[in-house]
């Protein structure tokens, strides 16, 4: 687990702003990790996040996790497959149609919330270039 519930509450602004119930947190955090790990080349699978000397990277990564957890909790879907299933823009029942302007897929890239992705990019963990020697 890269983020515990206490850390989530602190980063999210305290218990009064926490949007996720503690009973749901572990599942949402695990699903967020599953989305982030391939993007970051499994960096925090290979390295201990608490031993990372780059505290700014850890802070940005955990903020991205919080944003992703809040997004998927609000959406009611926490996997890329479930989020894609929320991409309904038009519903028609008995001659009445409802069309939304944006869907869950519009706000995410492969299931990752766009704002969380911005924080994740800022960590440098998504860099795929050749490192300097």
Protein backbone atom coordinates (compact mmCIF):
# COMPACT_ATOMS: atom_id res chain seq x y z
CA UNK A 1 0.00 0.00 0.00
CA UNK A 2 1.52 3.30 -1.13
CA UNK A 3 -0.96 5.47 0.75
CA UNK A 4 -2.75 4.69 3.99
CA UNK A 5 -6.07 6.14 5.08
CA UNK A 6 -4.50 8.58 7.55
CA UNK A 7 -2.18 9.95 4.82
CA UNK A 8 -5.17 10.16 2.47
CA UNK A 9 -7.09 12.27 4.98
CA UNK A 10 -4.12 14.57 5.62
CA UNK A 11 -3.44 15.17 1.90
CA UNK A 12 -7.14 15.56 1.17
CA UNK A 13 -7.49 18.31 3.76
CA UNK A 14 -8.66 16.51 6.86
CA UNK A 15 -11.49 14.26 7.94
CA UNK A 16 -14.17 16.84 7.17
CA UNK A 17 -13.11 16.89 3.50
CA UNK A 18 -12.53 13.15 3.09
CA UNK A 19 -14.90 11.90 0.43
CA UNK A 20 -14.03 8.22 0.81
CA UNK A 21 -15.24 5.96 3.58
CA UNK A 22 -12.48 4.04 5.33
CA UNK A 23 -14.18 0.74 4.46
CA UNK A 24 -13.89 1.55 0.72
CA UNK A 25 -10.42 3.07 0.85
CA UNK A 26 -8.27 -0.08 0.47
CA UNK A 27 -10.05 -1.19 -2.71
CA UNK A 28 -9.90 2.27 -4.29
CA UNK A 29 -6.24 2.73 -3.34
CA UNK A 30 -5.34 -0.70 -4.76
CA UNK A 31 -7.18 0.05 -8.02
CA UNK A 32 -5.41 3.44 -8.29
CA UNK A 33 -2.06 1.69 -7.81
CA UNK A 34 -3.01 -0.80 -10.55
CA UNK A 35 -3.58 2.12 -12.93
CA UNK A 36 -0.42 4.03 -11.91
CA UNK A 37 2.10 1.17 -11.75
CA UNK A 38 2.35 0.48 -15.50
CA UNK A 39 2.63 4.22 -16.18
CA UNK A 40 5.52 4.60 -13.75
CA UNK A 41 7.33 1.44 -14.84
CA UNK A 42 6.40 -0.10 -11.46
CA UNK A 43 8.82 2.25 -9.69
CA UNK A 44 7.19 1.96 -6.27
CA UNK A 45 6.81 -1.79 -6.67
CA UNK A 46 10.59 -1.99 -7.04
CA UNK A 47 11.40 0.76 -4.50
CA UNK A 48 10.06 1.56 -1.03
CA UNK A 49 8.06 4.80 -1.25
CA UNK A 50 8.85 5.63 2.40
CA UNK A 51 12.60 5.29 1.74
CA UNK A 52 12.56 7.50 -1.37
CA UNK A 53 14.93 10.43 -0.73
CA UNK A 54 13.02 12.59 -3.24
CA UNK A 55 10.29 13.83 -0.89
CA UNK A 56 8.79 16.10 -3.55
CA UNK A 57 8.28 13.10 -5.87
CA UNK A 58 6.60 11.16 -3.05
CA UNK A 59 4.38 14.14 -2.24
CA UNK A 60 3.30 14.55 -5.88
CA UNK A 61 2.75 10.80 -6.32
CA UNK A 62 0.59 10.57 -3.22
CA UNK A 63 -1.39 13.66 -4.24
CA UNK A 64 -2.03 11.96 -7.60
CA UNK A 65 -3.26 8.87 -5.71
CA UNK A 66 -5.62 11.02 -3.62
CA UNK A 67 -7.02 12.71 -6.73
CA UNK A 68 -7.50 9.35 -8.46
CA UNK A 69 -9.17 7.83 -5.40
CA UNK A 70 -11.57 10.78 -5.07
CA UNK A 71 -12.35 10.68 -8.80
CA UNK A 72 -13.12 6.97 -8.86
CA UNK A 73 -15.11 7.19 -5.63
CA UNK A 74 -17.23 10.03 -7.02
CA UNK A 75 -17.64 8.19 -10.30
CA UNK A 76 -18.56 4.88 -8.71
CA UNK A 77 -16.01 3.00 -10.85
CA UNK A 78 -12.36 2.38 -10.07
CA UNK A 79 -10.98 0.28 -12.93
CA UNK A 80 -10.40 1.41 -16.51
CA UNK A 81 -13.03 -1.09 -17.69
CA UNK A 82 -15.64 0.21 -15.22
CA UNK A 83 -14.83 3.83 -16.11
CA UNK A 84 -15.27 3.08 -19.82
CA UNK A 85 -18.68 1.65 -18.95
CA UNK A 86 -19.68 5.03 -17.51
CA UNK A 87 -19.26 6.64 -20.96
CA UNK A 88 -22.98 7.05 -21.63
CA UNK A 89 -23.85 10.40 -23.13
CA UNK A 90 -27.40 9.82 -24.33
CA UNK A 91 -30.21 7.98 -22.59
CA UNK A 92 -33.65 7.65 -24.14
CA UNK A 93 -36.62 6.27 -22.22
CA UNK A 94 -40.18 6.43 -23.52
CA UNK A 95 -39.40 9.30 -25.89
CA UNK A 96 -37.47 11.36 -23.34
CA UNK A 97 -33.78 11.84 -24.08
CA UNK A 98 -31.06 13.02 -21.75
CA UNK A 99 -27.63 13.95 -23.14
CA UNK A 100 -24.70 14.95 -21.00
CA UNK A 101 -21.93 17.27 -22.18
CA UNK A 102 -19.04 15.30 -20.72
CA UNK A 103 -18.61 11.76 -19.59
CA UNK A 104 -16.19 9.95 -17.31
CA UNK A 105 -14.04 8.98 -20.27
CA UNK A 106 -13.69 12.66 -21.25
CA UNK A 107 -12.06 13.35 -17.87
CA UNK A 108 -9.67 10.40 -17.92
CA UNK A 109 -6.96 8.78 -20.02
CA UNK A 110 -7.10 4.98 -19.86
CA UNK A 111 -8.93 5.27 -16.55
CA UNK A 112 -6.52 7.76 -14.99
CA UNK A 113 -8.10 11.08 -14.01
CA UNK A 114 -6.48 13.86 -16.07
CA UNK A 115 -5.62 16.02 -13.05
CA UNK A 116 -4.04 13.02 -11.28
CA UNK A 117 -2.10 12.31 -14.48
CA UNK A 118 -0.72 15.87 -14.42
CA UNK A 119 0.62 15.30 -10.92
CA UNK A 120 2.00 11.92 -11.95
CA UNK A 121 3.82 13.44 -14.94
CA UNK A 122 5.40 15.96 -12.57
CA UNK A 123 7.03 13.15 -10.58
CA UNK A 124 9.30 12.28 -13.51
CA UNK A 125 8.38 8.61 -13.12
CA UNK A 126 6.74 8.50 -16.55
CA UNK A 127 9.93 9.54 -18.38
CA UNK A 128 10.89 6.91 -20.96
CA UNK A 129 14.03 8.50 -22.42
CA UNK A 130 17.61 7.38 -22.09
CA UNK A 131 19.12 8.51 -18.77
CA UNK A 132 22.27 10.62 -18.80
CA UNK A 133 25.45 8.75 -17.85
